[in-house]
């Protein structure tokens, strides 16, 4: 399993070298865009609207738009220094909380934690202590140049870390339009709704649920490949015809003939004149 981060977790005087591994993966079926005419994949290029030209990585600088159409440039060395200052820190568990106290809206991504070299015993100590106490650790971590709030909790026989959104990243519920403040619901309506909920209540078994759309889409793709055989993208012809290029160069560099100022006399005309 690919390691996405290496570091250590500390709580109190205990320091645990750990490695971070993505716990989930995107299984969506990726569709490509093709040019309808030649069936070649569409590529996107970075362009400057002002200069109307394509730009490369070396032509790009980072900036923050602090006001409409007003930017402050940030030097790559400045950004790199900030990243190194934060990445050099161990992940300190700030405090311990109850999992039930955190609303699911705050959860972002999940990562498995594995012990680094020599960290097996301390890793087991933290895992077992969290399991026995029923608490989870709240910490901060720097991942891919972003400081994230995270929780560390036992998961089966391992530790799992789940990054959280900061409170200012969660939009206020007041921004949602047309939410009814109250409704005149009868007792009969409430009893019927409660009965329906109770009838549909069962233990959560994630294995029972599948992505029906993804399954159907994959079946459609396989069926079309079997029947139609698919299309092959045309490769761009980047091979230069050397002979043609040389001939064109000769034509462009060949000096132009200057027009004659007069006709040259023949020997017979010269004798007749004498």
C-alpha atoms as a PDB file:
ATOM      1  CA  UNK A   1       0.000   0.000   0.000  1.00  0.00           C
ATOM      2  CA  UNK A   2       1.420   3.369  -1.047  1.00  0.00           C
ATOM      3  CA  UNK A   3       2.726   5.633   1.731  1.00  0.00           C
ATOM      4  CA  UNK A   4       1.426   9.200   1.398  1.00  0.00           C
ATOM      5  CA  UNK A   5       3.101  10.659   4.510  1.00  0.00           C
ATOM      6  CA  UNK A   6       5.808   9.754   7.037  1.00  0.00           C
ATOM      7  CA  UNK A   7       6.192  11.277  10.467  1.00  0.00           C
ATOM      8  CA  UNK A   8       5.375  10.691  14.081  1.00  0.00           C
ATOM      9  CA  UNK A   9       2.461  11.051  16.450  1.00  0.00           C
ATOM     10  CA  UNK A  10       3.033  12.114  20.021  1.00  0.00           C
ATOM     11  CA  UNK A  11       0.841  12.262  23.085  1.00  0.00           C
ATOM     12  CA  UNK A  12       2.465  13.226  26.341  1.00  0.00           C
ATOM     13  CA  UNK A  13       5.970  11.777  26.360  1.00  0.00           C
ATOM     14  CA  UNK A  14       5.077   8.941  23.975  1.00  0.00           C
ATOM     15  CA  UNK A  15       6.352   9.320  20.404  1.00  0.00           C
ATOM     16  CA  UNK A  16       5.167   6.936  17.664  1.00  0.00           C
ATOM     17  CA  UNK A  17       6.797   6.844  14.204  1.00  0.00           C
ATOM     18  CA  UNK A  18       4.009   6.206  11.707  1.00  0.00           C
ATOM     19  CA  UNK A  19       3.219   6.001   8.008  1.00  0.00           C
ATOM     20  CA  UNK A  20       0.017   7.216   6.401  1.00  0.00           C
ATOM     21  CA  UNK A  21      -1.878   5.253   3.726  1.00  0.00           C
ATOM     22  CA  UNK A  22      -5.063   6.267   1.895  1.00  0.00           C
ATOM     23  CA  UNK A  23      -7.928   4.192   3.312  1.00  0.00           C
ATOM     24  CA  UNK A  24     -10.342   4.821   0.457  1.00  0.00           C
ATOM     25  CA  UNK A  25     -10.137   5.070  -3.320  1.00  0.00           C
ATOM     26  CA  UNK A  26     -12.275   6.626  -6.016  1.00  0.00           C
ATOM     27  CA  UNK A  27     -13.865   3.828  -8.056  1.00  0.00           C
ATOM     28  CA  UNK A  28     -15.756   6.099 -10.442  1.00  0.00           C
ATOM     29  CA  UNK A  29     -15.478   5.127 -14.109  1.00  0.00           C
ATOM     30  CA  UNK A  30     -13.409   7.801 -15.817  1.00  0.00           C
ATOM     31  CA  UNK A  31     -14.736   8.854 -19.227  1.00  0.00           C
ATOM     32  CA  UNK A  32     -12.489  10.669 -21.728  1.00  0.00           C
ATOM     33  CA  UNK A  33     -13.519  13.359 -24.177  1.00  0.00           C
ATOM     34  CA  UNK A  34     -12.696  12.692 -27.853  1.00  0.00           C
ATOM     35  CA  UNK A  35     -12.745  14.925 -30.897  1.00  0.00           C
ATOM     36  CA  UNK A  36     -15.866  13.863 -32.768  1.00  0.00           C
ATOM     37  CA  UNK A  37     -14.111  14.212 -36.121  1.00  0.00           C
ATOM     38  CA  UNK A  38     -10.962  12.083 -35.594  1.00  0.00           C
ATOM     39  CA  UNK A  39     -11.654  10.381 -32.217  1.00  0.00           C
ATOM     40  CA  UNK A  40      -8.455  11.757 -30.652  1.00  0.00           C
ATOM     41  CA  UNK A  41      -8.401  12.649 -26.929  1.00  0.00           C
ATOM     42  CA  UNK A  42      -9.019  16.289 -26.065  1.00  0.00           C
ATOM     43  CA  UNK A  43      -6.212  18.028 -24.188  1.00  0.00           C
ATOM     44  CA  UNK A  44      -6.445  21.208 -22.182  1.00  0.00           C
ATOM     45  CA  UNK A  45      -3.755  23.862 -22.401  1.00  0.00           C
ATOM     46  CA  UNK A  46      -3.047  26.716 -20.025  1.00  0.00           C
ATOM     47  CA  UNK A  47      -3.348  30.031 -21.826  1.00  0.00           C
ATOM     48  CA  UNK A  48      -3.054  33.707 -20.932  1.00  0.00           C
ATOM     49  CA  UNK A  49      -6.214  35.601 -21.882  1.00  0.00           C
ATOM     50  CA  UNK A  50      -4.355  38.898 -22.063  1.00  0.00           C
ATOM     51  CA  UNK A  51      -1.466  37.713 -24.252  1.00  0.00           C
ATOM     52  CA  UNK A  52      -3.583  35.129 -26.076  1.00  0.00           C
ATOM     53  CA  UNK A  53      -0.796  32.565 -25.921  1.00  0.00           C
ATOM     54  CA  UNK A  54      -0.057  29.231 -24.306  1.00  0.00           C
ATOM     55  CA  UNK A  55       2.023  29.338 -21.123  1.00  0.00           C
ATOM     56  CA  UNK A  56       4.380  26.769 -19.640  1.00  0.00           C
ATOM     57  CA  UNK A  57       5.129  25.935 -16.010  1.00  0.00           C
ATOM     58  CA  UNK A  58       8.103  28.323 -16.049  1.00  0.00           C
ATOM     59  CA  UNK A  59       5.827  31.185 -17.094  1.00  0.00           C
ATOM     60  CA  UNK A  60       3.491  30.813 -14.093  1.00  0.00           C
ATOM     61  CA  UNK A  61       3.766  32.449 -10.677  1.00  0.00           C
ATOM     62  CA  UNK A  62       1.517  31.948  -7.649  1.00  0.00           C
ATOM     63  CA  UNK A  63      -0.588  34.823  -6.341  1.00  0.00           C
ATOM     64  CA  UNK A  64      -3.486  35.612  -4.015  1.00  0.00           C
ATOM     65  CA  UNK A  65      -6.413  37.755  -5.165  1.00  0.00           C
ATOM     66  CA  UNK A  66      -6.876  40.029  -2.145  1.00  0.00           C
ATOM     67  CA  UNK A  67      -9.369  42.281  -3.981  1.00  0.00           C
ATOM     68  CA  UNK A  68     -11.163  41.987  -7.348  1.00  0.00           C
ATOM     69  CA  UNK A  69      -8.462  41.860 -10.066  1.00  0.00           C
ATOM     70  CA  UNK A  70      -5.759  42.781  -7.538  1.00  0.00           C
ATOM     71  CA  UNK A  71      -3.113  40.177  -6.731  1.00  0.00           C
ATOM     72  CA  UNK A  72      -0.119  39.788  -4.464  1.00  0.00           C
ATOM     73  CA  UNK A  73       2.553  37.418  -5.761  1.00  0.00           C
ATOM     74  CA  UNK A  74       3.958  34.725  -3.481  1.00  0.00           C
ATOM     75  CA  UNK A  75       7.475  33.561  -4.171  1.00  0.00           C
ATOM     76  CA  UNK A  76       7.995  29.791  -4.383  1.00  0.00           C
ATOM     77  CA  UNK A  77      10.820  30.028  -1.830  1.00  0.00           C
ATOM     78  CA  UNK A  78       8.478  31.710   0.651  1.00  0.00           C
ATOM     79  CA  UNK A  79       5.862  29.000   0.191  1.00  0.00           C
ATOM     80  CA  UNK A  80       8.450  26.237   0.452  1.00  0.00           C
ATOM     81  CA  UNK A  81       9.788  27.671   3.718  1.00  0.00           C
ATOM     82  CA  UNK A  82       6.288  27.701   5.216  1.00  0.00           C
ATOM     83  CA  UNK A  83       5.735  24.109   4.114  1.00  0.00           C
ATOM     84  CA  UNK A  84       9.007  22.907   5.626  1.00  0.00           C
ATOM     85  CA  UNK A  85       8.377  24.737   8.896  1.00  0.00           C
ATOM     86  CA  UNK A  86       5.057  22.957   9.303  1.00  0.00           C
ATOM     87  CA  UNK A  87       6.021  19.545   7.907  1.00  0.00           C
ATOM     88  CA  UNK A  88       8.937  19.312  10.301  1.00  0.00           C
ATOM     89  CA  UNK A  89       6.616  19.155  13.276  1.00  0.00           C
ATOM     90  CA  UNK A  90       5.373  15.935  14.828  1.00  0.00           C
ATOM     91  CA  UNK A  91       1.641  15.348  14.909  1.00  0.00           C
ATOM     92  CA  UNK A  92       0.733  16.254  18.473  1.00  0.00           C
ATOM     93  CA  UNK A  93      -2.522  14.941  19.858  1.00  0.00           C
ATOM     94  CA  UNK A  94      -4.071  18.123  21.251  1.00  0.00           C
ATOM     95  CA  UNK A  95      -6.697  16.442  23.403  1.00  0.00           C
ATOM     96  CA  UNK A  96      -9.128  13.541  23.527  1.00  0.00           C
ATOM     97  CA  UNK A  97     -12.850  13.705  22.767  1.00  0.00           C
ATOM     98  CA  UNK A  98     -15.844  11.447  22.248  1.00  0.00           C
ATOM     99  CA  UNK A  99     -16.459  10.424  18.642  1.00  0.00           C
ATOM    100  CA  UNK A 100     -20.172  11.124  19.070  1.00  0.00           C
ATOM    101  CA  UNK A 101     -19.386  14.778  19.761  1.00  0.00           C
ATOM    102  CA  UNK A 102     -18.208  15.339  16.176  1.00  0.00           C
ATOM    103  CA  UNK A 103     -20.937  15.827  13.585  1.00  0.00           C
ATOM    104  CA  UNK A 104     -20.263  13.837  10.347  1.00  0.00           C
ATOM    105  CA  UNK A 105     -20.357  17.087   8.342  1.00  0.00           C
ATOM    106  CA  UNK A 106     -16.810  17.773   9.582  1.00  0.00           C
ATOM    107  CA  UNK A 107     -15.285  14.533   8.260  1.00  0.00           C
ATOM    108  CA  UNK A 108     -13.172  14.742   5.115  1.00  0.00           C
ATOM    109  CA  UNK A 109     -10.840  11.810   4.227  1.00  0.00           C
ATOM    110  CA  UNK A 110      -9.713   8.599   5.913  1.00  0.00           C
ATOM    111  CA  UNK A 111      -6.160   7.237   6.190  1.00  0.00           C
ATOM    112  CA  UNK A 112      -4.782   4.055   7.698  1.00  0.00           C
ATOM    113  CA  UNK A 113      -1.898   4.483  10.111  1.00  0.00           C
ATOM    114  CA  UNK A 114       0.858   1.891  10.255  1.00  0.00           C
ATOM    115  CA  UNK A 115       3.793   1.907  12.717  1.00  0.00           C
ATOM    116  CA  UNK A 116       7.190   3.009  11.470  1.00  0.00           C
ATOM    117  CA  UNK A 117      10.464   1.321  12.374  1.00  0.00           C
ATOM    118  CA  UNK A 118      10.597   0.591  16.094  1.00  0.00           C
ATOM    119  CA  UNK A 119       7.141   2.026  16.713  1.00  0.00           C
ATOM    120  CA  UNK A 120       5.146  -1.195  17.095  1.00  0.00           C
ATOM    121  CA  UNK A 121       4.833  -1.185  20.887  1.00  0.00           C
ATOM    122  CA  UNK A 122       3.922   2.501  21.208  1.00  0.00           C
ATOM    123  CA  UNK A 123       1.456   2.071  18.341  1.00  0.00           C
ATOM    124  CA  UNK A 124      -0.220  -0.818  20.154  1.00  0.00           C
ATOM    125  CA  UNK A 125      -0.279   1.188  23.385  1.00  0.00           C
ATOM    126  CA  UNK A 126      -2.146   4.092  21.760  1.00  0.00           C
ATOM    127  CA  UNK A 127      -4.565   1.784  19.926  1.00  0.00           C
ATOM    128  CA  UNK A 128      -5.449  -0.202  23.038  1.00  0.00           C
ATOM    129  CA  UNK A 129      -5.695   2.893  25.267  1.00  0.00           C
ATOM    130  CA  UNK A 130      -8.123   4.548  22.860  1.00  0.00           C
ATOM    131  CA  UNK A 131     -10.186   1.368  22.581  1.00  0.00           C
ATOM    132  CA  UNK A 132     -10.416   0.944  26.362  1.00  0.00           C
ATOM    133  CA  UNK A 133     -11.273   4.586  27.037  1.00  0.00           C
ATOM    134  CA  UNK A 134     -13.790   4.940  24.218  1.00  0.00           C
ATOM    135  CA  UNK A 135     -12.086   8.227  23.270  1.00  0.00           C
ATOM    136  CA  UNK A 136     -10.468   9.469  20.073  1.00  0.00           C
ATOM    137  CA  UNK A 137      -7.413  11.718  19.717  1.00  0.00           C
ATOM    138  CA  UNK A 138      -7.750  15.179  18.170  1.00  0.00           C
ATOM    139  CA  UNK A 139      -4.610  16.356  16.340  1.00  0.00           C
ATOM    140  CA  UNK A 140      -3.194  18.570  13.588  1.00  0.00           C
ATOM    141  CA  UNK A 141      -1.190  17.340  10.606  1.00  0.00           C
ATOM    142  CA  UNK A 142       0.407  18.887   7.507  1.00  0.00           C
ATOM    143  CA  UNK A 143      -0.548  16.963   4.349  1.00  0.00           C
ATOM    144  CA  UNK A 144       0.268  18.146   0.819  1.00  0.00           C
ATOM    145  CA  UNK A 145       1.008  21.702   1.914  1.00  0.00           C
ATOM    146  CA  UNK A 146      -2.223  21.985   3.894  1.00  0.00           C
ATOM    147  CA  UNK A 147      -2.615  21.929   7.656  1.00  0.00           C
ATOM    148  CA  UNK A 148      -5.515  19.669   8.563  1.00  0.00           C
ATOM    149  CA  UNK A 149      -7.404  18.986  11.752  1.00  0.00           C
ATOM    150  CA  UNK A 150      -7.674  15.235  12.289  1.00  0.00           C
ATOM    151  CA  UNK A 151      -8.936  12.543  14.623  1.00  0.00           C
ATOM    152  CA  UNK A 152      -7.086   9.326  15.429  1.00  0.00           C
ATOM    153  CA  UNK A 153      -9.125   6.328  16.502  1.00  0.00           C
ATOM    154  CA  UNK A 154      -8.908   2.544  16.637  1.00  0.00           C
ATOM    155  CA  UNK A 155     -10.348   0.716  13.638  1.00  0.00           C
ATOM    156  CA  UNK A 156     -10.462  -3.086  13.821  1.00  0.00           C
ATOM    157  CA  UNK A 157      -6.823  -4.067  14.598  1.00  0.00           C
ATOM    158  CA  UNK A 158      -5.288  -0.806  13.453  1.00  0.00           C
ATOM    159  CA  UNK A 159      -5.375   2.960  13.929  1.00  0.00           C
ATOM    160  CA  UNK A 160      -7.149   5.178  11.452  1.00  0.00           C
ATOM    161  CA  UNK A 161      -6.790   8.910  10.984  1.00  0.00           C
ATOM    162  CA  UNK A 162      -9.616  10.987   9.549  1.00  0.00           C
ATOM    163  CA  UNK A 163      -9.048  14.572   8.492  1.00  0.00           C
ATOM    164  CA  UNK A 164     -11.678  17.144   9.432  1.00  0.00           C
ATOM    165  CA  UNK A 165     -12.904  20.393   7.945  1.00  0.00           C
ATOM    166  CA  UNK A 166     -12.281  23.467  10.053  1.00  0.00           C
ATOM    167  CA  UNK A 167     -15.446  25.197  11.327  1.00  0.00           C
ATOM    168  CA  UNK A 168     -14.992  28.120   8.918  1.00  0.00           C
ATOM    169  CA  UNK A 169     -14.960  25.638   6.014  1.00  0.00           C
ATOM    170  CA  UNK A 170     -18.463  24.413   6.858  1.00  0.00           C
ATOM    171  CA  UNK A 171     -21.101  26.701   5.388  1.00  0.00           C
ATOM    172  CA  UNK A 172     -23.681  28.163   7.728  1.00  0.00           C
ATOM    173  CA  UNK A 173     -27.046  26.425   7.646  1.00  0.00           C
ATOM    174  CA  UNK A 174     -28.648  29.879   7.465  1.00  0.00           C
ATOM    175  CA  UNK A 175     -27.367  30.157   3.882  1.00  0.00           C
ATOM    176  CA  UNK A 176     -29.601  27.287   2.746  1.00  0.00           C
ATOM    177  CA  UNK A 177     -32.761  28.718   1.121  1.00  0.00           C
ATOM    178  CA  UNK A 178     -36.389  27.741   1.748  1.00  0.00           C
ATOM    179  CA  UNK A 179     -35.938  25.732   4.949  1.00  0.00           C
ATOM    180  CA  UNK A 180     -39.334  25.620   6.741  1.00  0.00           C
ATOM    181  CA  UNK A 181     -39.143  26.874  10.328  1.00  0.00           C
ATOM    182  CA  UNK A 182     -41.997  24.741  11.504  1.00  0.00           C
ATOM    183  CA  UNK A 183     -44.896  22.686  10.242  1.00  0.00           C
ATOM    184  CA  UNK A 184     -48.325  21.780  11.556  1.00  0.00           C
ATOM    185  CA  UNK A 185     -47.918  17.999  11.813  1.00  0.00           C
ATOM    186  CA  UNK A 186     -50.665  15.850  13.249  1.00  0.00           C
ATOM    187  CA  UNK A 187     -50.049  13.033  15.721  1.00  0.00           C
ATOM    188  CA  UNK A 188     -51.273  10.504  13.162  1.00  0.00           C
ATOM    189  CA  UNK A 189     -48.736  11.711  10.595  1.00  0.00           C
ATOM    190  CA  UNK A 190     -45.920  11.527  13.133  1.00  0.00           C
ATOM    191  CA  UNK A 191     -46.932   8.061  14.326  1.00  0.00           C
ATOM    192  CA  UNK A 192     -47.105   6.758  10.746  1.00  0.00           C
ATOM    193  CA  UNK A 193     -43.689   8.190   9.870  1.00  0.00           C
ATOM    194  CA  UNK A 194     -42.164   6.735  13.052  1.00  0.00           C
ATOM    195  CA  UNK A 195     -43.695   3.310  12.309  1.00  0.00           C
ATOM    196  CA  UNK A 196     -42.221   3.371   8.783  1.00  0.00           C
ATOM    197  CA  UNK A 197     -38.767   4.280  10.134  1.00  0.00           C
ATOM    198  CA  UNK A 198     -38.913   1.447  12.664  1.00  0.00           C
ATOM    199  CA  UNK A 199     -39.925  -1.053   9.985  1.00  0.00           C
ATOM    200  CA  UNK A 200     -37.011  -0.053   7.756  1.00  0.00           C
ATOM    201  CA  UNK A 201     -34.444  -0.003  10.576  1.00  0.00           C
ATOM    202  CA  UNK A 202     -31.736  -2.679  10.524  1.00  0.00           C
ATOM    203  CA  UNK A 203     -28.048  -3.105  11.341  1.00  0.00           C
ATOM    204  CA  UNK A 204     -25.670  -1.350   8.990  1.00  0.00           C
ATOM    205  CA  UNK A 205     -23.856  -3.850   6.769  1.00  0.00           C
ATOM    206  CA  UNK A 206     -21.840  -1.916   4.156  1.00  0.00           C
ATOM    207  CA  UNK A 207     -21.253  -5.031   2.025  1.00  0.00           C
ATOM    208  CA  UNK A 208     -24.959  -5.053   1.137  1.00  0.00           C
ATOM    209  CA  UNK A 209     -24.738  -1.788  -0.779  1.00  0.00           C
ATOM    210  CA  UNK A 210     -23.289  -1.420  -4.275  1.00  0.00           C
ATOM    211  CA  UNK A 211     -22.976   1.335  -6.853  1.00  0.00           C
ATOM    212  CA  UNK A 212     -25.713   0.250  -9.253  1.00  0.00           C
ATOM    213  CA  UNK A 213     -25.015   3.046 -11.750  1.00  0.00           C
ATOM    214  CA  UNK A 214     -21.286   2.197 -11.970  1.00  0.00           C
ATOM    215  CA  UNK A 215     -22.124  -1.492 -12.461  1.00  0.00           C
ATOM    216  CA  UNK A 216     -24.640  -0.731 -15.223  1.00  0.00           C
ATOM    217  CA  UNK A 217     -22.237   1.683 -16.940  1.00  0.00           C
ATOM    218  CA  UNK A 218     -19.433  -0.890 -16.922  1.00  0.00           C
ATOM    219  CA  UNK A 219     -21.779  -3.513 -18.387  1.00  0.00           C
ATOM    220  CA  UNK A 220     -22.784  -1.077 -21.145  1.00  0.00           C
ATOM    221  CA  UNK A 221     -19.122  -0.345 -21.939  1.00  0.00           C
ATOM    222  CA  UNK A 222     -18.190  -4.027 -22.075  1.00  0.00           C
ATOM    223  CA  UNK A 223     -21.196  -4.772 -24.297  1.00  0.00           C
ATOM    224  CA  UNK A 224     -20.282  -1.988 -26.739  1.00  0.00           C
ATOM    225  CA  UNK A 225     -16.623  -3.092 -26.841  1.00  0.00           C
ATOM    226  CA  UNK A 226     -17.743  -6.660 -27.574  1.00  0.00           C
ATOM    227  CA  UNK A 227     -20.134  -5.638 -30.368  1.00  0.00           C
ATOM    228  CA  UNK A 228     -18.462  -2.585 -31.907  1.00  0.00           C
ATOM    229  CA  UNK A 229     -14.808  -3.119 -31.079  1.00  0.00           C
ATOM    230  CA  UNK A 230     -14.283   0.519 -30.108  1.00  0.00           C
ATOM    231  CA  UNK A 231     -12.408   3.235 -31.992  1.00  0.00           C
ATOM    232  CA  UNK A 232      -8.684   3.888 -32.132  1.00  0.00           C
ATOM    233  CA  UNK A 233      -7.400   7.398 -31.622  1.00  0.00           C
ATOM    234  CA  UNK A 234      -5.387   8.880 -34.468  1.00  0.00           C
ATOM    235  CA  UNK A 235      -1.865   9.724 -33.442  1.00  0.00           C
ATOM    236  CA  UNK A 236      -0.595  13.214 -34.192  1.00  0.00           C
ATOM    237  CA  UNK A 237       1.984  13.223 -36.981  1.00  0.00           C
ATOM    238  CA  UNK A 238       5.008  14.808 -35.330  1.00  0.00           C
ATOM    239  CA  UNK A 239       7.570  13.285 -37.744  1.00  0.00           C
ATOM    240  CA  UNK A 240       9.268  15.995 -39.800  1.00  0.00           C
ATOM    241  CA  UNK A 241       9.851  15.288 -43.515  1.00  0.00           C
ATOM    242  CA  UNK A 242      13.548  16.233 -43.613  1.00  0.00           C
ATOM    243  CA  UNK A 243      13.834  16.433 -47.411  1.00  0.00           C
ATOM    244  CA  UNK A 244      10.753  18.614 -47.664  1.00  0.00           C
ATOM    245  CA  UNK A 245      12.022  20.867 -44.901  1.00  0.00           C
ATOM    246  CA  UNK A 246      15.394  21.261 -46.661  1.00  0.00           C
ATOM    247  CA  UNK A 247      13.749  22.084 -49.989  1.00  0.00           C
ATOM    248  CA  UNK A 248      11.545  24.708 -48.343  1.00  0.00           C
ATOM    249  CA  UNK A 249      14.576  26.222 -46.628  1.00  0.00           C
ATOM    250  CA  UNK A 250      16.463  26.425 -49.931  1.00  0.00           C
ATOM    251  CA  UNK A 251      13.527  28.174 -51.566  1.00  0.00           C
ATOM    252  CA  UNK A 252      13.347  30.738 -48.775  1.00  0.00           C
ATOM    253  CA  UNK A 253      17.109  31.453 -48.745  1.00  0.00           C
ATOM    254  CA  UNK A 254      17.713  31.400 -52.536  1.00  0.00           C
ATOM    255  CA  UNK A 255      18.672  34.911 -53.726  1.00  0.00           C
ATOM    256  CA  UNK A 256      16.246  36.576 -56.061  1.00  0.00           C
ATOM    257  CA  UNK A 257      17.372  37.344 -59.674  1.00  0.00           C
ATOM    258  CA  UNK A 258      17.899  41.019 -60.413  1.00  0.00           C
ATOM    259  CA  UNK A 259      16.273  42.187 -63.670  1.00  0.00           C
ATOM    260  CA  UNK A 260      18.694  42.883 -66.588  1.00  0.00           C
ATOM    261  CA  UNK A 261      19.246  46.587 -67.501  1.00  0.00           C
ATOM    262  CA  UNK A 262      19.694  45.833 -71.220  1.00  0.00           C
ATOM    263  CA  UNK A 263      20.178  43.041 -73.751  1.00  0.00           C
ATOM    264  CA  UNK A 264      23.727  41.834 -74.328  1.00  0.00           C
ATOM    265  CA  UNK A 265      24.921  42.363 -77.944  1.00  0.00           C
ATOM    266  CA  UNK A 266      25.960  39.348 -80.030  1.00  0.00           C
ATOM    267  CA  UNK A 267      29.464  39.154 -81.685  1.00  0.00           C
ATOM    268  CA  UNK A 268      27.923  39.747 -85.151  1.00  0.00           C
ATOM    269  CA  UNK A 269      26.313  42.980 -83.947  1.00  0.00           C
ATOM    270  CA  UNK A 270      29.653  44.137 -82.469  1.00  0.00           C
ATOM    271  CA  UNK A 271      31.498  43.509 -85.908  1.00  0.00           C
ATOM    272  CA  UNK A 272      28.761  45.319 -87.848  1.00  0.00           C
ATOM    273  CA  UNK A 273      29.119  48.363 -85.562  1.00  0.00           C
ATOM    274  CA  UNK A 274      32.895  48.430 -86.166  1.00  0.00           C
END
